N, C-alpha and C. Protein backbone atom coordinates (compact mmCIF):
# COMPACT_ATOMS: atom_id res chain seq x y z
N MET A 1 7.22 -8.48 48.69
CA MET A 1 7.38 -8.20 50.13
C MET A 1 6.14 -7.32 50.42
N LEU A 2 5.91 -6.23 49.53
CA LEU A 2 4.89 -5.24 49.60
C LEU A 2 3.53 -5.97 49.51
N ALA A 3 3.30 -6.85 48.71
CA ALA A 3 2.13 -7.60 48.36
C ALA A 3 1.66 -8.45 49.71
N ALA A 4 2.86 -9.03 50.32
CA ALA A 4 2.47 -9.77 51.56
C ALA A 4 2.13 -8.96 52.71
N ILE A 5 2.66 -7.60 52.79
CA ILE A 5 2.44 -6.82 54.04
C ILE A 5 0.89 -6.23 53.68
N LEU A 6 0.46 -6.07 52.59
CA LEU A 6 -0.83 -5.57 52.18
C LEU A 6 -1.76 -6.63 52.50
N LEU A 7 -1.29 -7.87 51.99
CA LEU A 7 -2.53 -8.83 52.22
C LEU A 7 -2.69 -9.12 53.49
N SER A 8 -1.62 -9.11 54.74
CA SER A 8 -1.77 -9.45 55.84
C SER A 8 -2.34 -8.27 56.78
N TRP A 9 -2.21 -6.99 56.23
CA TRP A 9 -2.75 -5.82 56.96
C TRP A 9 -4.37 -5.86 56.47
N GLY A 10 -4.77 -6.39 55.30
CA GLY A 10 -5.79 -6.45 54.83
C GLY A 10 -6.61 -7.64 55.68
N ILE A 11 -6.18 -8.57 55.87
CA ILE A 11 -6.80 -9.63 56.93
C ILE A 11 -6.99 -9.08 58.03
N ALA A 12 -6.04 -8.52 58.77
CA ALA A 12 -6.08 -7.99 60.15
C ALA A 12 -7.24 -7.00 60.19
N PHE A 13 -7.24 -6.13 58.95
CA PHE A 13 -8.11 -4.82 59.18
C PHE A 13 -9.62 -5.47 59.27
N PHE A 14 -9.94 -6.41 58.52
CA PHE A 14 -11.29 -7.03 58.66
C PHE A 14 -11.46 -7.84 59.78
N GLU A 15 -10.60 -8.35 60.33
CA GLU A 15 -10.86 -8.90 61.67
C GLU A 15 -11.06 -7.75 62.81
N TYR A 16 -10.25 -6.92 62.71
CA TYR A 16 -10.23 -5.72 63.49
C TYR A 16 -11.82 -5.17 63.39
N LEU A 17 -12.36 -5.07 62.30
CA LEU A 17 -13.52 -4.35 61.83
C LEU A 17 -14.62 -4.94 62.51
N PHE A 18 -14.68 -6.22 62.86
CA PHE A 18 -15.73 -7.04 63.59
C PHE A 18 -15.50 -7.06 65.00
N GLN A 19 -14.23 -7.19 65.24
CA GLN A 19 -13.75 -7.28 66.84
C GLN A 19 -13.99 -6.25 67.56
N VAL A 20 -13.95 -4.80 67.15
CA VAL A 20 -14.19 -3.82 68.08
C VAL A 20 -15.54 -3.66 68.47
N PRO A 21 -16.49 -3.78 67.22
CA PRO A 21 -18.05 -3.66 67.70
C PRO A 21 -18.51 -4.88 68.57
N ALA A 22 -17.94 -6.07 68.36
CA ALA A 22 -18.39 -7.29 68.87
C ALA A 22 -18.04 -7.03 70.61
N ASN A 23 -16.93 -6.57 70.77
CA ASN A 23 -16.54 -6.37 72.13
C ASN A 23 -17.30 -5.27 73.09
N ARG A 24 -17.53 -4.14 72.17
CA ARG A 24 -18.59 -3.25 72.78
C ARG A 24 -19.82 -3.85 73.02
N ILE A 25 -20.60 -4.62 72.05
CA ILE A 25 -21.76 -5.18 72.26
C ILE A 25 -21.74 -6.15 73.39
N GLY A 26 -20.77 -6.98 73.24
CA GLY A 26 -20.55 -8.42 74.13
C GLY A 26 -20.36 -7.96 75.56
N TYR A 27 -19.76 -6.71 76.05
CA TYR A 27 -19.15 -6.27 77.28
C TYR A 27 -20.25 -6.56 78.30
N GLY A 28 -21.26 -6.22 78.21
CA GLY A 28 -22.56 -6.24 79.00
C GLY A 28 -22.94 -7.58 79.46
N ARG A 29 -22.83 -8.57 78.41
CA ARG A 29 -23.35 -9.99 78.61
C ARG A 29 -22.19 -10.97 79.11
N PHE A 30 -20.90 -10.49 78.57
CA PHE A 30 -19.55 -11.59 78.95
C PHE A 30 -18.62 -10.41 79.66
N ASN A 31 -18.04 -11.03 80.37
CA ASN A 31 -17.02 -10.42 81.30
C ASN A 31 -15.81 -10.48 80.19
N LEU A 32 -14.53 -9.51 80.47
CA LEU A 32 -13.43 -9.19 79.66
C LEU A 32 -12.68 -10.82 79.36
N VAL A 33 -12.63 -11.55 80.36
CA VAL A 33 -11.80 -13.04 79.95
C VAL A 33 -12.55 -13.67 78.95
N GLN A 34 -13.98 -13.83 79.17
CA GLN A 34 -14.70 -14.46 78.07
C GLN A 34 -14.60 -13.96 76.74
N LEU A 35 -14.59 -12.56 76.80
CA LEU A 35 -14.56 -11.86 75.41
C LEU A 35 -13.27 -12.19 74.93
N LYS A 36 -12.17 -12.02 75.45
CA LYS A 36 -10.78 -12.49 75.08
C LYS A 36 -10.71 -13.97 74.52
N VAL A 37 -11.40 -14.74 75.33
CA VAL A 37 -11.46 -16.18 74.82
C VAL A 37 -12.06 -16.28 73.45
N ILE A 38 -13.18 -15.73 73.35
CA ILE A 38 -13.86 -15.88 72.17
C ILE A 38 -12.93 -15.11 71.28
N GLN A 39 -12.43 -14.09 71.29
CA GLN A 39 -11.53 -13.34 70.41
C GLN A 39 -10.67 -14.33 69.79
N GLU A 40 -9.65 -15.04 70.59
CA GLU A 40 -8.82 -15.87 70.22
C GLU A 40 -9.09 -17.20 69.59
N CYS A 41 -10.41 -17.67 70.03
CA CYS A 41 -10.98 -18.84 69.20
C CYS A 41 -11.34 -18.45 67.80
N VAL A 42 -11.79 -17.27 67.49
CA VAL A 42 -12.28 -16.80 66.16
C VAL A 42 -11.20 -16.64 65.21
N THR A 43 -9.84 -15.86 66.03
CA THR A 43 -8.92 -15.60 65.24
C THR A 43 -8.08 -17.12 64.85
N LEU A 44 -8.03 -18.02 65.72
CA LEU A 44 -7.47 -19.31 65.44
C LEU A 44 -8.19 -20.06 64.41
N CYS A 45 -9.51 -19.91 64.46
CA CYS A 45 -10.28 -20.50 63.59
C CYS A 45 -10.16 -19.83 62.07
N VAL A 46 -10.19 -18.68 62.08
CA VAL A 46 -9.93 -17.99 60.65
C VAL A 46 -8.61 -18.21 60.17
N PHE A 47 -7.49 -18.20 61.07
CA PHE A 47 -6.11 -18.54 60.68
C PHE A 47 -6.16 -19.91 60.28
N THR A 48 -6.71 -20.96 60.89
CA THR A 48 -6.35 -22.32 60.50
C THR A 48 -7.27 -22.50 59.02
N CYS A 49 -8.33 -22.07 58.93
CA CYS A 49 -9.02 -22.05 57.55
C CYS A 49 -8.15 -21.35 56.24
N TYR A 50 -7.47 -20.39 56.76
CA TYR A 50 -6.58 -19.63 55.81
C TYR A 50 -5.39 -20.46 55.63
N ALA A 51 -4.80 -21.03 56.56
CA ALA A 51 -3.72 -21.89 56.50
C ALA A 51 -4.04 -23.20 55.46
N PHE A 52 -5.04 -23.83 55.79
CA PHE A 52 -5.54 -24.85 55.32
C PHE A 52 -5.73 -24.78 53.57
N ILE A 53 -6.50 -23.54 53.02
CA ILE A 53 -7.10 -23.42 52.02
C ILE A 53 -5.77 -22.61 51.17
N VAL A 54 -5.28 -21.65 51.63
CA VAL A 54 -4.34 -21.00 50.93
C VAL A 54 -2.91 -21.66 50.98
N PHE A 55 -2.40 -22.22 52.02
CA PHE A 55 -0.88 -22.72 51.94
C PHE A 55 -0.95 -24.49 52.17
N GLN A 56 -2.44 -25.09 51.86
CA GLN A 56 -2.64 -26.41 51.91
C GLN A 56 -1.86 -27.21 52.97
N GLN A 57 -2.16 -26.65 54.15
CA GLN A 57 -1.52 -27.05 55.47
C GLN A 57 -2.34 -28.37 55.82
N ARG A 58 -1.78 -29.37 56.22
CA ARG A 58 -2.52 -30.83 56.59
C ARG A 58 -2.62 -30.72 58.14
N LEU A 59 -3.68 -31.40 58.50
CA LEU A 59 -3.99 -31.14 60.00
C LEU A 59 -3.10 -32.47 60.60
N GLN A 60 -2.43 -32.32 61.73
CA GLN A 60 -1.58 -33.37 62.23
C GLN A 60 -2.25 -33.45 63.90
N TRP A 61 -1.71 -34.47 64.31
CA TRP A 61 -2.35 -35.05 65.63
C TRP A 61 -1.99 -33.84 66.61
N ASN A 62 -0.85 -33.02 66.59
CA ASN A 62 -0.53 -32.20 67.54
C ASN A 62 -1.34 -30.85 67.57
N HIS A 63 -1.80 -30.53 66.23
CA HIS A 63 -2.85 -29.47 66.02
C HIS A 63 -4.26 -29.98 66.65
N VAL A 64 -4.58 -31.01 66.22
CA VAL A 64 -5.80 -31.56 67.14
C VAL A 64 -5.66 -31.38 68.61
N VAL A 65 -4.69 -31.77 69.21
CA VAL A 65 -4.49 -31.81 70.62
C VAL A 65 -4.57 -30.33 70.97
N ALA A 66 -3.78 -29.62 70.31
CA ALA A 66 -3.91 -28.00 70.50
C ALA A 66 -5.25 -27.41 70.64
N TYR A 67 -6.26 -27.84 69.44
CA TYR A 67 -7.41 -27.25 69.45
C TYR A 67 -8.31 -27.89 70.71
N LEU A 68 -8.05 -29.09 70.99
CA LEU A 68 -8.84 -29.71 72.10
C LEU A 68 -8.58 -28.86 73.31
N LEU A 69 -7.23 -28.47 73.58
CA LEU A 69 -6.91 -27.56 74.83
C LEU A 69 -7.63 -26.17 74.71
N ILE A 70 -7.76 -25.67 73.52
CA ILE A 70 -8.38 -24.41 73.37
C ILE A 70 -9.92 -24.59 73.68
N VAL A 71 -10.50 -25.77 73.29
CA VAL A 71 -12.12 -26.06 73.61
C VAL A 71 -12.24 -25.97 75.13
N ALA A 72 -11.10 -26.82 75.60
CA ALA A 72 -11.03 -26.88 77.20
C ALA A 72 -10.97 -25.49 77.96
N ALA A 73 -10.35 -24.62 77.15
CA ALA A 73 -10.12 -23.10 77.79
C ALA A 73 -11.60 -22.47 77.58
N VAL A 74 -12.14 -22.67 76.53
CA VAL A 74 -13.55 -21.98 76.38
C VAL A 74 -14.46 -22.65 77.37
N PHE A 75 -14.46 -23.91 77.71
CA PHE A 75 -15.15 -24.67 78.58
C PHE A 75 -15.13 -23.87 80.00
N PHE A 76 -13.76 -23.66 80.47
CA PHE A 76 -13.55 -23.24 81.83
C PHE A 76 -13.72 -21.75 81.84
N ALA A 77 -13.72 -21.11 80.87
CA ALA A 77 -13.75 -19.66 80.80
C ALA A 77 -15.47 -19.43 80.99
N PHE A 78 -16.14 -20.00 80.36
CA PHE A 78 -17.62 -20.07 80.42
C PHE A 78 -18.39 -20.78 81.35
N ARG A 79 -17.82 -21.92 81.89
CA ARG A 79 -18.72 -22.76 82.79
C ARG A 79 -18.67 -22.45 84.37
N PHE A 80 -17.45 -21.70 84.71
CA PHE A 80 -17.27 -21.53 86.06
C PHE A 80 -17.21 -19.91 86.33
C-alpha cells in the first residue's frame, strides 16, 4: 500500500512540476479555459500511456470514442 501511494504521488509530483510553470507562462497567450483543456489532454495522454505500458490495458472502441470527444473539446475551446 505504501509503495502504491508513493508511486502515485511521485507521478502527480512530476506532472504538477510542469503544470504550474506552464500555466504561468501560457496565461498571456491562452485564456483559462484553453489552459484547462490543455492540462486535461496532457493528463489523459500520460495516464493512457501509463495504463497501456504498466497495466497492459487494451484499446477498446469506447476509448476511441472518448478520445475523439476530447479532440472535439480541444477544437471547440481553441477554434471559437
